[in-house]
C-alpha atoms as a PDB file:
ATOM      1  CA  MET A   1      63.471  71.378 157.405  1.00  0.00           C
ATOM      2  CA  PHE A   2      63.691  68.860 154.555  1.00  0.00           C
ATOM      3  CA  ARG A   3      63.371  71.750 152.077  1.00  0.00           C
ATOM      4  CA  ARG A   4      66.323  73.579 153.692  1.00  0.00           C
ATOM      5  CA  ILE A   5      68.458  70.479 153.534  1.00  0.00           C
ATOM      6  CA  TRP A   6      67.581  69.919 149.869  1.00  0.00           C
ATOM      7  CA  GLN A   7      68.413  73.451 149.027  1.00  0.00           C
ATOM      8  CA  ARG A   8      71.859  73.145 150.706  1.00  0.00           C
ATOM      9  CA  LEU A   9      72.438  69.916 148.758  1.00  0.00           C
ATOM     10  CA  CYS A  10      71.450  71.728 145.500  1.00  0.00           C
ATOM     11  CA  SER A  11      74.106  74.426 146.336  1.00  0.00           C
ATOM     12  CA  LEU A  12      76.923  71.922 146.453  1.00  0.00           C
ATOM     13  CA  ARG A  13      79.590  71.882 143.777  1.00  0.00           C
ATOM     14  CA  ALA A  14      79.203  69.699 140.754  1.00  0.00           C
ATOM     15  CA  ALA A  15      81.518  66.893 141.894  1.00  0.00           C
ATOM     16  CA  PRO A  16      80.036  66.370 145.364  1.00  0.00           C
ATOM     17  CA  LYS A  17      76.545  66.465 143.862  1.00  0.00           C
ATOM     18  CA  ALA A  18      77.540  63.762 141.273  1.00  0.00           C
ATOM     19  CA  LEU A  19      79.081  61.575 143.995  1.00  0.00           C
ATOM     20  CA  LEU A  20      75.988  61.968 146.142  1.00  0.00           C
ATOM     21  CA  ALA A  21      73.605  61.011 143.332  1.00  0.00           C
ATOM     22  CA  GLN A  22      75.729  57.957 142.421  1.00  0.00           C
ATOM     23  CA  CYS A  23      75.945  56.688 146.004  1.00  0.00           C
ATOM     24  CA  VAL A  24      72.239  57.121 146.834  1.00  0.00           C
ATOM     25  CA  ALA A  25      71.249  55.523 143.484  1.00  0.00           C
ATOM     26  CA  TRP A  26      73.560  52.527 144.219  1.00  0.00           C
ATOM     27  CA  LEU A  27      72.049  52.139 147.737  1.00  0.00           C
ATOM     28  CA  LEU A  28      68.541  52.083 146.197  1.00  0.00           C
ATOM     29  CA  ALA A  29      69.533  49.578 143.443  1.00  0.00           C
ATOM     30  CA  LEU A  30      71.232  47.242 145.838  1.00  0.00           C
ATOM     31  CA  ALA A  31      68.314  47.311 148.283  1.00  0.00           C
ATOM     32  CA  LEU A  32      65.925  46.402 145.469  1.00  0.00           C
ATOM     33  CA  VAL A  33      68.140  43.566 144.384  1.00  0.00           C
ATOM     34  CA  ARG A  34      68.381  42.275 147.913  1.00  0.00           C
ATOM     35  CA  ALA A  35      64.591  42.444 148.234  1.00  0.00           C
ATOM     36  CA  GLY A  36      64.305  40.514 144.926  1.00  0.00           C
ATOM     37  CA  ALA A  37      62.436  43.333 143.295  1.00  0.00           C
ATOM     38  CA  VAL A  38      64.810  43.701 140.336  1.00  0.00           C
ATOM     39  CA  PRO A  39      67.148  41.180 138.679  1.00  0.00           C
ATOM     40  CA  PHE A  40      70.891  41.244 138.912  1.00  0.00           C
ATOM     41  CA  PRO A  41      72.807  42.608 137.132  1.00  0.00           C
ATOM     42  CA  PHE A  42      70.914  44.345 134.308  1.00  0.00           C
ATOM     43  CA  GLY A  43      67.891  45.355 136.335  1.00  0.00           C
ATOM     44  CA  MET A  44      70.212  46.674 139.088  1.00  0.00           C
ATOM     45  CA  LEU A  45      72.136  48.734 136.528  1.00  0.00           C
ATOM     46  CA  ALA A  46      69.025  50.106 134.978  1.00  0.00           C
ATOM     47  CA  VAL A  47      67.584  51.140 138.257  1.00  0.00           C
ATOM     48  CA  GLN A  48      70.901  52.709 139.409  1.00  0.00           C
ATOM     49  CA  ALA A  49      71.319  54.679 136.222  1.00  0.00           C
ATOM     50  CA  GLY A  50      67.765  55.952 136.248  1.00  0.00           C
ATOM     51  CA  ALA A  51      67.822  56.937 139.889  1.00  0.00           C
ATOM     52  CA  ALA A  52      71.193  58.705 139.436  1.00  0.00           C
ATOM     53  CA  VAL A  53      69.765  60.722 136.550  1.00  0.00           C
ATOM     54  CA  ALA A  54      66.626  61.624 138.511  1.00  0.00           C
ATOM     55  CA  LEU A  55      68.695  62.682 141.539  1.00  0.00           C
ATOM     56  CA  ALA A  56      70.951  64.822 139.331  1.00  0.00           C
ATOM     57  CA  TRP A  57      67.886  66.461 137.857  1.00  0.00           C
ATOM     58  CA  GLY A  58      66.429  67.047 141.350  1.00  0.00           C
ATOM     59  CA  LEU A  59      69.737  68.448 142.622  1.00  0.00           C
ATOM     60  CA  GLN A  60      69.772  70.951 139.707  1.00  0.00           C
ATOM     61  CA  SER A  61      72.959  69.576 138.136  1.00  0.00           C
ATOM     62  CA  ALA A  62      73.817  70.828 134.714  1.00  0.00           C
ATOM     63  CA  TRP A  63      72.125  68.892 131.925  1.00  0.00           C
ATOM     64  CA  TRP A  64      75.293  67.233 130.694  1.00  0.00           C
ATOM     65  CA  TRP A  65      75.594  65.400 134.083  1.00  0.00           C
ATOM     66  CA  TRP A  66      72.387  63.572 133.202  1.00  0.00           C
ATOM     67  CA  GLY A  67      74.095  61.679 130.361  1.00  0.00           C
ATOM     68  CA  ILE A  68      77.196  61.032 132.483  1.00  0.00           C
ATOM     69  CA  HIS A  69      75.068  59.495 135.222  1.00  0.00           C
ATOM     70  CA  ALA A  70      73.049  57.452 132.691  1.00  0.00           C
ATOM     71  CA  VAL A  71      76.146  55.675 131.318  1.00  0.00           C
ATOM     72  CA  PHE A  72      78.598  55.764 134.253  1.00  0.00           C
ATOM     73  CA  SER A  73      77.634  52.568 136.078  1.00  0.00           C
ATOM     74  CA  PRO A  74      76.786  50.479 133.038  1.00  0.00           C
ATOM     75  CA  LEU A  75      80.143  51.362 131.481  1.00  0.00           C
ATOM     76  CA  ALA A  76      81.939  50.694 134.772  1.00  0.00           C
ATOM     77  CA  TRP A  77      80.244  47.275 135.015  1.00  0.00           C
ATOM     78  CA  TRP A  78      81.199  46.453 131.374  1.00  0.00           C
ATOM     79  CA  VAL A  79      84.809  47.561 131.962  1.00  0.00           C
ATOM     80  CA  SER A  80      85.101  45.456 135.124  1.00  0.00           C
ATOM     81  CA  ARG A  81      84.067  42.342 133.136  1.00  0.00           C
ATOM     82  CA  SER A  82      86.430  43.005 130.204  1.00  0.00           C
ATOM     83  CA  ALA A  83      89.961  41.701 129.961  1.00  0.00           C
ATOM     84  CA  VAL A  84      91.675  45.074 129.397  1.00  0.00           C
ATOM     85  CA  ALA A  85      95.018  45.408 131.246  1.00  0.00           C
ATOM     86  CA  PRO A  86      94.883  47.779 134.160  1.00  0.00           C
ATOM     87  CA  GLY A  87      97.780  49.851 132.746  1.00  0.00           C
ATOM     88  CA  TRP A  88      95.563  51.122 129.922  1.00  0.00           C
ATOM     89  CA  TYR A  89      93.118  52.560 132.468  1.00  0.00           C
ATOM     90  CA  LEU A  90      95.942  54.318 134.190  1.00  0.00           C
ATOM     91  CA  ALA A  91      97.192  55.767 130.888  1.00  0.00           C
ATOM     92  CA  ALA A  92      93.698  56.979 130.002  1.00  0.00           C
ATOM     93  CA  PHE A  93      93.294  58.575 133.409  1.00  0.00           C
ATOM     94  CA  VAL A  94      96.707  60.415 133.101  1.00  0.00           C
ATOM     95  CA  LEU A  95      95.905  61.546 129.538  1.00  0.00           C
ATOM     96  CA  LEU A  96      92.442  62.910 130.583  1.00  0.00           C
ATOM     97  CA  ALA A  97      93.905  64.592 133.602  1.00  0.00           C
ATOM     98  CA  LEU A  98      96.481  66.336 131.515  1.00  0.00           C
ATOM     99  CA  PHE A  99      93.769  67.855 129.304  1.00  0.00           C
ATOM    100  CA  TYR A 100      90.868  68.238 131.674  1.00  0.00           C
ATOM    101  CA  ARG A 101      92.394  68.597 135.161  1.00  0.00           C
ATOM    102  CA  GLY A 102      90.157  71.489 136.145  1.00  0.00           C
ATOM    103  CA  THR A 103      86.991  70.685 134.350  1.00  0.00           C
ATOM    104  CA  VAL A 104      85.255  68.909 137.207  1.00  0.00           C
ATOM    105  CA  ARG A 105      85.836  71.906 139.474  1.00  0.00           C
ATOM    106  CA  THR A 106      85.302  74.739 136.964  1.00  0.00           C
ATOM    107  CA  GLN A 107      82.705  72.964 134.771  1.00  0.00           C
ATOM    108  CA  VAL A 108      84.433  74.446 131.729  1.00  0.00           C
ATOM    109  CA  PRO A 109      85.067  72.071 128.847  1.00  0.00           C
ATOM    110  CA  LEU A 110      87.337  72.812 125.891  1.00  0.00           C
ATOM    111  CA  TYR A 111      85.572  74.960 123.302  1.00  0.00           C
ATOM    112  CA  LEU A 112      87.393  76.373 120.270  1.00  0.00           C
ATOM    113  CA  SER A 113      86.219  79.768 119.065  1.00  0.00           C
ATOM    114  CA  ASN A 114      85.324  79.954 115.432  1.00  0.00           C
ATOM    115  CA  ARG A 115      86.577  82.396 112.742  1.00  0.00           C
ATOM    116  CA  ALA A 116      83.366  84.405 112.777  1.00  0.00           C
ATOM    117  CA  ALA A 117      83.660  85.041 116.519  1.00  0.00           C
ATOM    118  CA  MET A 118      87.274  86.097 116.209  1.00  0.00           C
ATOM    119  CA  GLN A 119      86.520  88.420 113.302  1.00  0.00           C
ATOM    120  CA  ALA A 120      83.575  89.956 115.128  1.00  0.00           C
ATOM    121  CA  LEU A 121      85.639  90.457 118.296  1.00  0.00           C
ATOM    122  CA  ALA A 122      88.472  92.141 116.399  1.00  0.00           C
ATOM    123  CA  GLU A 123      86.119  94.456 114.569  1.00  0.00           C
ATOM    124  CA  ARG A 124      84.159  95.466 117.821  1.00  0.00           C
ATOM    125  CA  LEU A 125      87.269  96.722 119.586  1.00  0.00           C
ATOM    126  CA  PRO A 126      88.747 100.251 119.184  1.00  0.00           C
ATOM    127  CA  ALA A 127      91.724 100.656 116.957  1.00  0.00           C
ATOM    128  CA  ARG A 128      94.101 101.779 119.706  1.00  0.00           C
ATOM    129  CA  PRO A 129      96.447  99.204 121.245  1.00  0.00           C
ATOM    130  CA  LEU A 130      94.678  97.168 123.960  1.00  0.00           C
ATOM    131  CA  ARG A 131      95.561  94.622 126.667  1.00  0.00           C
ATOM    132  CA  VAL A 132      93.418  91.568 126.032  1.00  0.00           C
ATOM    133  CA  LEU A 133      93.007  88.589 128.398  1.00  0.00           C
ATOM    134  CA  ASP A 134      91.735  85.262 127.137  1.00  0.00           C
ATOM    135  CA  LEU A 135      90.201  83.173 129.884  1.00  0.00           C
ATOM    136  CA  GLY A 136      90.984  79.468 129.422  1.00  0.00           C
ATOM    137  CA  CYS A 137      93.067  80.044 126.254  1.00  0.00           C
ATOM    138  CA  GLY A 138      93.004  76.341 125.376  1.00  0.00           C
ATOM    139  CA  THR A 139      95.090  75.482 122.239  1.00  0.00           C
ATOM    140  CA  GLY A 140      95.726  79.278 121.521  1.00  0.00           C
ATOM    141  CA  THR A 141      93.011  79.684 118.846  1.00  0.00           C
ATOM    142  CA  VAL A 142      92.024  83.152 120.060  1.00  0.00           C
ATOM    143  CA  LEU A 143      95.490  84.399 120.780  1.00  0.00           C
ATOM    144  CA  ARG A 144      96.810  83.440 117.355  1.00  0.00           C
ATOM    145  CA  ALA A 145      93.737  84.963 115.525  1.00  0.00           C
ATOM    146  CA  LEU A 146      93.973  88.259 117.441  1.00  0.00           C
ATOM    147  CA  ALA A 147      97.690  88.514 116.981  1.00  0.00           C
ATOM    148  CA  ARG A 148      97.014  88.372 113.240  1.00  0.00           C
ATOM    149  CA  LEU A 149      93.954  90.622 113.143  1.00  0.00           C
ATOM    150  CA  ARG A 150      95.195  93.132 115.793  1.00  0.00           C
ATOM    151  CA  PRO A 151      99.008  93.168 115.853  1.00  0.00           C
ATOM    152  CA  GLN A 152      98.913  96.264 117.959  1.00  0.00           C
ATOM    153  CA  ASP A 153      97.491  94.557 121.021  1.00  0.00           C
ATOM    154  CA  ALA A 154      99.210  92.914 124.046  1.00  0.00           C
ATOM    155  CA  LEU A 155      97.598  89.455 124.390  1.00  0.00           C
ATOM    156  CA  VAL A 156      97.572  87.361 127.540  1.00  0.00           C
ATOM    157  CA  GLY A 157      96.098  83.878 127.822  1.00  0.00           C
ATOM    158  CA  VAL A 158      95.569  81.821 131.044  1.00  0.00           C
ATOM    159  CA  GLU A 159      95.097  78.078 131.020  1.00  0.00           C
ATOM    160  CA  ASN A 160      94.784  75.467 133.786  1.00  0.00           C
ATOM    161  CA  SER A 161      95.282  72.319 131.789  1.00  0.00           C
ATOM    162  CA  PRO A 162      98.924  71.176 131.576  1.00  0.00           C
ATOM    163  CA  ALA A 163      98.598  69.692 128.131  1.00  0.00           C
ATOM    164  CA  LEU A 164      96.655  72.518 126.613  1.00  0.00           C
ATOM    165  CA  LEU A 165      99.103  75.006 128.173  1.00  0.00           C
ATOM    166  CA  TRP A 166     101.926  73.288 126.395  1.00  0.00           C
ATOM    167  CA  ILE A 167     100.088  73.193 123.119  1.00  0.00           C
ATOM    168  CA  CYS A 168      99.123  76.950 123.396  1.00  0.00           C
ATOM    169  CA  ARG A 169     102.725  77.923 124.240  1.00  0.00           C
ATOM    170  CA  TRP A 170     104.080  75.938 121.365  1.00  0.00           C
ATOM    171  CA  ARG A 171     101.546  77.403 118.895  1.00  0.00           C
ATOM    172  CA  THR A 172     102.250  80.997 120.017  1.00  0.00           C
ATOM    173  CA  ARG A 173     106.017  80.692 120.482  1.00  0.00           C
ATOM    174  CA  ALA A 174     106.754  82.980 117.493  1.00  0.00           C
ATOM    175  CA  LEU A 175     104.290  85.649 118.554  1.00  0.00           C
ATOM    176  CA  PRO A 176     106.092  88.203 120.751  1.00  0.00           C
ATOM    177  CA  ALA A 177     102.787  89.988 121.650  1.00  0.00           C
ATOM    178  CA  VAL A 178     101.436  86.813 123.232  1.00  0.00           C
ATOM    179  CA  GLN A 179     102.029  85.745 126.861  1.00  0.00           C
ATOM    180  CA  VAL A 180     100.622  82.498 128.173  1.00  0.00           C
ATOM    181  CA  CYS A 181     100.202  81.904 131.943  1.00  0.00           C
ATOM    182  CA  ALA A 182      99.399  78.785 133.919  1.00  0.00           C
ATOM    183  CA  GLY A 183      96.603  78.999 136.459  1.00  0.00           C
ATOM    184  CA  ASP A 184      93.004  79.520 137.318  1.00  0.00           C
ATOM    185  CA  PHE A 185      91.405  82.379 135.384  1.00  0.00           C
ATOM    186  CA  LEU A 186      89.493  83.444 138.504  1.00  0.00           C
ATOM    187  CA  ALA A 187      92.686  83.729 140.415  1.00  0.00           C
ATOM    188  CA  GLN A 188      94.363  85.795 137.612  1.00  0.00           C
ATOM    189  CA  ASP A 189      94.657  89.555 138.274  1.00  0.00           C
ATOM    190  CA  TRP A 190      92.376  91.298 135.704  1.00  0.00           C
ATOM    191  CA  ARG A 191      93.304  94.839 136.596  1.00  0.00           C
ATOM    192  CA  GLY A 192      94.927  96.732 133.769  1.00  0.00           C
ATOM    193  CA  PHE A 193      93.172  94.778 130.977  1.00  0.00           C
ATOM    194  CA  ASP A 194      91.002  96.548 128.463  1.00  0.00           C
ATOM    195  CA  VAL A 195      89.198  93.377 127.221  1.00  0.00           C
ATOM    196  CA  VAL A 196      88.557  90.024 128.849  1.00  0.00           C
ATOM    197  CA  TYR A 197      87.319  87.369 126.419  1.00  0.00           C
ATOM    198  CA  ALA A 198      85.475  84.249 127.734  1.00  0.00           C
ATOM    199  CA  PHE A 199      84.234  81.137 125.999  1.00  0.00           C
ATOM    200  CA  LEU A 200      83.457  79.035 129.084  1.00  0.00           C
ATOM    201  CA  SER A 201      80.097  77.569 130.147  1.00  0.00           C
ATOM    202  CA  PRO A 202      77.037  78.869 131.987  1.00  0.00           C
ATOM    203  CA  ALA A 203      78.488  77.542 135.367  1.00  0.00           C
ATOM    204  CA  PRO A 204      81.180  80.202 136.090  1.00  0.00           C
ATOM    205  CA  MET A 205      79.542  83.277 134.399  1.00  0.00           C
ATOM    206  CA  ALA A 206      78.190  84.748 137.605  1.00  0.00           C
ATOM    207  CA  ALA A 207      81.635  84.580 139.218  1.00  0.00           C
ATOM    208  CA  VAL A 208      83.273  85.934 136.110  1.00  0.00           C
ATOM    209  CA  TRP A 209      80.862  88.877 136.129  1.00  0.00           C
ATOM    210  CA  GLU A 210      81.530  89.624 139.844  1.00  0.00           C
ATOM    211  CA  LYS A 211      85.279  89.523 139.275  1.00  0.00           C
ATOM    212  CA  ALA A 212      84.986  91.831 136.254  1.00  0.00           C
ATOM    213  CA  ARG A 213      83.007  94.325 138.316  1.00  0.00           C
ATOM    214  CA  GLN A 214      85.568  94.286 141.011  1.00  0.00           C
ATOM    215  CA  GLU A 215      88.810  94.428 138.978  1.00  0.00           C
ATOM    216  CA  LEU A 216      88.274  95.705 135.387  1.00  0.00           C
ATOM    217  CA  PRO A 217      88.878  99.433 134.907  1.00  0.00           C
ATOM    218  CA  ALA A 218      86.278 101.900 133.651  1.00  0.00           C
ATOM    219  CA  GLY A 219      85.623 101.434 129.940  1.00  0.00           C
ATOM    220  CA  ALA A 220      86.917  97.867 129.874  1.00  0.00           C
ATOM    221  CA  TRP A 221      84.893  95.171 128.134  1.00  0.00           C
ATOM    222  CA  LEU A 222      83.882  91.614 129.081  1.00  0.00           C
ATOM    223  CA  VAL A 223      83.060  89.662 125.979  1.00  0.00           C
ATOM    224  CA  SER A 224      81.496  86.227 126.312  1.00  0.00           C
ATOM    225  CA  ASN A 225      81.039  83.762 123.462  1.00  0.00           C
ATOM    226  CA  SER A 226      77.656  81.978 123.577  1.00  0.00           C
ATOM    227  CA  PHE A 227      77.087  82.087 127.339  1.00  0.00           C
ATOM    228  CA  PRO A 228      75.536  85.371 128.690  1.00  0.00           C
ATOM    229  CA  VAL A 229      75.942  86.681 132.202  1.00  0.00           C
ATOM    230  CA  PRO A 230      72.836  85.600 134.076  1.00  0.00           C
ATOM    231  CA  GLU A 231      70.350  88.417 134.728  1.00  0.00           C
ATOM    232  CA  VAL A 232      72.580  91.128 133.191  1.00  0.00           C
ATOM    233  CA  ALA A 233      71.760  92.813 129.895  1.00  0.00           C
ATOM    234  CA  ALA A 234      74.562  92.962 127.347  1.00  0.00           C
ATOM    235  CA  GLN A 235      75.517  96.360 125.843  1.00  0.00           C
ATOM    236  CA  TRP A 236      75.772  94.659 122.493  1.00  0.00           C
ATOM    237  CA  THR A 237      75.301  91.281 120.856  1.00  0.00           C
ATOM    238  CA  GLN A 238      76.505  89.944 117.551  1.00  0.00           C
ATOM    239  CA  ALA A 239      75.623  86.750 115.746  1.00  0.00           C
ATOM    240  CA  VAL A 240      78.679  84.543 114.996  1.00  0.00           C
ATOM    241  CA  GLY A 241      77.044  81.238 114.048  1.00  0.00           C
ATOM    242  CA  ARG A 242      73.920  79.657 112.625  1.00  0.00           C
ATOM    243  CA  GLU A 243      70.946  78.739 114.823  1.00  0.00           C
ATOM    244  CA  GLY A 244      71.358  75.552 116.609  1.00  0.00           C
ATOM    245  CA  ALA A 245      75.184  75.643 116.629  1.00  0.00           C
ATOM    246  CA  LEU A 246      77.180  75.917 119.832  1.00  0.00           C
ATOM    247  CA  GLN A 247      78.589  79.342 118.938  1.00  0.00           C
ATOM    248  CA  GLN A 248      75.711  81.715 118.019  1.00  0.00           C
ATOM    249  CA  VAL A 249      76.245  85.068 119.765  1.00  0.00           C
ATOM    250  CA  LEU A 250      78.906  87.247 121.258  1.00  0.00           C
ATOM    251  CA  TYR A 251      77.816  89.234 124.325  1.00  0.00           C
ATOM    252  CA  GLY A 252      79.564  92.484 125.141  1.00  0.00           C
ATOM    253  CA  TYR A 253      79.404  93.873 128.662  1.00  0.00           C
ATOM    254  CA  GLN A 254      80.977  96.920 130.209  1.00  0.00           C
ATOM    255  CA  PRO A 255      81.023  96.250 133.962  1.00  0.00           C
ATOM    256  CA  ASN A 256      82.304  99.586 135.186  1.00  0.00           C
ATOM    257  CA  GLY A 257      80.853 102.352 133.060  1.00  0.00           C
ATOM    258  CA  ALA A 258      81.431 103.855 129.671  1.00  0.00           C
ATOM    259  CA  GLY A 259      84.668 104.991 128.247  1.00  0.00           C
ATOM    260  CA  GLU A 260      86.713 105.207 125.012  1.00  0.00           C
ATOM    261  CA  ALA A 261      86.046 101.547 124.155  1.00  0.00           C
ATOM    262  CA  ALA A 262      82.307 102.062 124.441  1.00  0.00           C
ATOM    263  CA  GLY A 263      82.340 104.980 121.968  1.00  0.00           C
ATOM    264  CA  ALA A 264      84.491 103.065 119.423  1.00  0.00           C
ATOM    265  CA  ALA A 265      82.285  99.974 119.764  1.00  0.00           C
ATOM    266  CA  ALA A 266      79.120 102.030 119.237  1.00  0.00           C
ATOM    267  CA  GLN A 267      80.609 103.620 116.129  1.00  0.00           C
ATOM    268  CA  LYS A 268      81.478 100.241 114.734  1.00  0.00           C
ATOM    269  CA  ALA A 269      77.994  98.946 115.501  1.00  0.00           C
ATOM    270  CA  GLU A 270      76.517 101.805 113.481  1.00  0.00           C
END
């Protein structure tokens, strides 16, 4: 029974798991302080941070959550003891919300594709005009690069962050082939696109693959920068960065069978 409960807890979304880890760690730390087992406040903070990290690991949270749990309570304690005016905290919260509103839910931070990735993507695609969708277009790096490298394509970007959406629209305002949409990329209609480009994180890749299988037409490509689809072999891969860097490989997938794009990509690969 305990195992089933733990498995259900591990299947929670990232934010509820983080809240659970923090709350349980605080209960443990406060209980030890009350029992006189650890000193207040530094012993309490050390126990709380260590317990939160251990719980995050046990709940199978992504590795970057471990660092967040390690510093969250010590930083919160330090901030509570500082003489910073409350308005600054509100300003910081609003600014972060404008840039990272959907990050907690989607677990997708802001990554900017490098030039090698854009060049490789442009060269892998067939020469005919294509409709390309950029998932989480950020500041418009991909859209601007493809508009220059492949002026024959119709380019669509979707972005959930209000600030990044404004930046992307401003940077692509003079590019008539580019359209930028607000919203969740998993709620976007992918039917009719020849290529979907993703530079996300490991967290949403299974959902991205399932949506691609359901909506992309035959011959369409899903291209992921750095993060492969779990348990699915890519039709092609191409190095785009040095070993140890964030961006190392492009992964090309064709969810719904071969088509014209597959033949063109194979010719380029040869």
